Amino acid sequence: MEEKKNQNKRVCPLCGKEYDGVPALSRKDNETLICPECGTREAIDAALSVPEFSAGMTEQEKEEYKENVIRKIHENI
């Protein structure tokens, strides 16, 4: 069983971390499969690029927001 589990592991080309499960499709080229966490980061970056969503936020606040979302996701897994 452990051998089968290891066969499903992938390495994310963006962060270099090993992951299993369903990959995300990178928004940057719509071709590259990336880990779910990097996919979430790209999605948040896309949302934060919309002025109506991020009006008045500094770059530091955007980064803190992104890290808080990622942390909350990991807390619920």
C-alpha atoms as a PDB file:
ATOM      1  CA  MET A   1       0.000   0.000   0.000  1.00  0.00           C
ATOM      2  CA  GLU A   2       2.835   2.406   0.887  1.00  0.00           C
ATOM      3  CA  GLU A   3       4.459   1.771  -2.512  1.00  0.00           C
ATOM      4  CA  LYS A   4       1.239   2.675  -4.329  1.00  0.00           C
ATOM      5  CA  LYS A   5       0.906   5.831  -2.222  1.00  0.00           C
ATOM      6  CA  ASN A   6       4.439   6.924  -3.161  1.00  0.00           C
ATOM      7  CA  GLN A   7       3.712   6.346  -6.858  1.00  0.00           C
ATOM      8  CA  ASN A   8       1.064   9.070  -6.696  1.00  0.00           C
ATOM      9  CA  LYS A   9       3.514  11.672  -5.378  1.00  0.00           C
ATOM     10  CA  ARG A  10       4.424  14.557  -7.666  1.00  0.00           C
ATOM     11  CA  VAL A  11       6.936  17.366  -7.321  1.00  0.00           C
ATOM     12  CA  CYS A  12       5.662  20.893  -7.872  1.00  0.00           C
ATOM     13  CA  PRO A  13       7.769  22.729 -10.463  1.00  0.00           C
ATOM     14  CA  LEU A  14       7.169  26.055  -8.682  1.00  0.00           C
ATOM     15  CA  CYS A  15       7.948  25.316  -5.032  1.00  0.00           C
ATOM     16  CA  GLY A  16       9.752  21.987  -5.372  1.00  0.00           C
ATOM     17  CA  LYS A  17       7.607  20.318  -2.697  1.00  0.00           C
ATOM     18  CA  GLU A  18       6.282  16.781  -3.026  1.00  0.00           C
ATOM     19  CA  TYR A  19       2.499  16.442  -3.021  1.00  0.00           C
ATOM     20  CA  ASP A  20      -0.208  13.940  -3.815  1.00  0.00           C
ATOM     21  CA  GLY A  21      -3.796  14.351  -4.797  1.00  0.00           C
ATOM     22  CA  VAL A  22      -5.225  16.431  -7.593  1.00  0.00           C
ATOM     23  CA  PRO A  23      -2.853  19.026  -9.073  1.00  0.00           C
ATOM     24  CA  ALA A  24      -3.834  22.563  -9.978  1.00  0.00           C
ATOM     25  CA  LEU A  25      -3.397  24.066 -13.424  1.00  0.00           C
ATOM     26  CA  SER A  26      -1.112  27.080 -13.363  1.00  0.00           C
ATOM     27  CA  ARG A  27      -2.832  30.306 -14.325  1.00  0.00           C
ATOM     28  CA  LYS A  28       0.434  31.600 -15.756  1.00  0.00           C
ATOM     29  CA  ASP A  29       0.521  29.312 -18.797  1.00  0.00           C
ATOM     30  CA  ASN A  30      -2.633  27.155 -18.524  1.00  0.00           C
ATOM     31  CA  GLU A  31      -0.456  24.072 -19.117  1.00  0.00           C
ATOM     32  CA  THR A  32       1.746  23.411 -16.096  1.00  0.00           C
ATOM     33  CA  LEU A  33       0.441  21.189 -13.312  1.00  0.00           C
ATOM     34  CA  ILE A  34       1.347  22.588  -9.895  1.00  0.00           C
ATOM     35  CA  CYS A  35       0.630  21.652  -6.289  1.00  0.00           C
ATOM     36  CA  PRO A  36      -2.681  22.723  -4.758  1.00  0.00           C
ATOM     37  CA  GLU A  37      -0.958  25.258  -2.480  1.00  0.00           C
ATOM     38  CA  CYS A  38       0.766  27.016  -5.385  1.00  0.00           C
ATOM     39  CA  GLY A  39      -2.548  26.909  -7.254  1.00  0.00           C
ATOM     40  CA  THR A  40      -4.221  28.624  -4.316  1.00  0.00           C
ATOM     41  CA  ARG A  41      -1.452  31.225  -4.192  1.00  0.00           C
ATOM     42  CA  GLU A  42      -1.909  31.973  -7.908  1.00  0.00           C
ATOM     43  CA  ALA A  43      -5.681  32.260  -7.455  1.00  0.00           C
ATOM     44  CA  ILE A  44      -5.292  34.682  -4.544  1.00  0.00           C
ATOM     45  CA  ASP A  45      -2.757  36.722  -6.531  1.00  0.00           C
ATOM     46  CA  ALA A  46      -5.280  36.929  -9.380  1.00  0.00           C
ATOM     47  CA  ALA A  47      -8.029  38.065  -7.002  1.00  0.00           C
ATOM     48  CA  LEU A  48      -5.756  40.636  -5.387  1.00  0.00           C
ATOM     49  CA  SER A  49      -4.905  42.078  -8.793  1.00  0.00           C
ATOM     50  CA  VAL A  50      -8.524  43.274  -9.133  1.00  0.00           C
ATOM     51  CA  PRO A  51      -8.588  46.877  -7.862  1.00  0.00           C
ATOM     52  CA  GLU A  52     -12.108  46.591  -6.445  1.00  0.00           C
ATOM     53  CA  PHE A  53     -11.014  43.677  -4.262  1.00  0.00           C
ATOM     54  CA  SER A  54      -7.692  45.009  -3.026  1.00  0.00           C
ATOM     55  CA  ALA A  55      -8.294  48.768  -2.989  1.00  0.00           C
ATOM     56  CA  GLY A  56      -6.167  50.421  -0.352  1.00  0.00           C
ATOM     57  CA  MET A  57      -4.105  47.313   0.434  1.00  0.00           C
ATOM     58  CA  THR A  58      -0.327  47.616   0.487  1.00  0.00           C
ATOM     59  CA  GLU A  59       1.827  44.867  -1.016  1.00  0.00           C
ATOM     60  CA  GLN A  60       2.685  43.747   2.514  1.00  0.00           C
ATOM     61  CA  GLU A  61      -1.011  43.523   3.427  1.00  0.00           C
ATOM     62  CA  LYS A  62      -1.662  41.467   0.295  1.00  0.00           C
ATOM     63  CA  GLU A  63       1.124  39.036   1.221  1.00  0.00           C
ATOM     64  CA  GLU A  64      -0.163  38.764   4.797  1.00  0.00           C
ATOM     65  CA  TYR A  65      -3.688  38.122   3.510  1.00  0.00           C
ATOM     66  CA  LYS A  66      -2.419  35.381   1.190  1.00  0.00           C
ATOM     67  CA  GLU A  67      -0.393  33.696   3.957  1.00  0.00           C
ATOM     68  CA  ASN A  68      -3.372  33.840   6.339  1.00  0.00           C
ATOM     69  CA  VAL A  69      -5.627  32.131   3.778  1.00  0.00           C
ATOM     70  CA  ILE A  70      -3.043  29.385   3.176  1.00  0.00           C
ATOM     71  CA  ARG A  71      -2.584  28.897   6.940  1.00  0.00           C
ATOM     72  CA  LYS A  72      -6.357  28.628   7.487  1.00  0.00           C
ATOM     73  CA  ILE A  73      -6.630  26.020   4.734  1.00  0.00           C
ATOM     74  CA  HIS A  74      -3.909  23.920   6.372  1.00  0.00           C
ATOM     75  CA  GLU A  75      -5.598  24.217   9.779  1.00  0.00           C
ATOM     76  CA  ASN A  76      -8.768  22.708   8.311  1.00  0.00           C
ATOM     77  CA  ILE A  77      -7.097  19.769   6.556  1.00  0.00           C
END
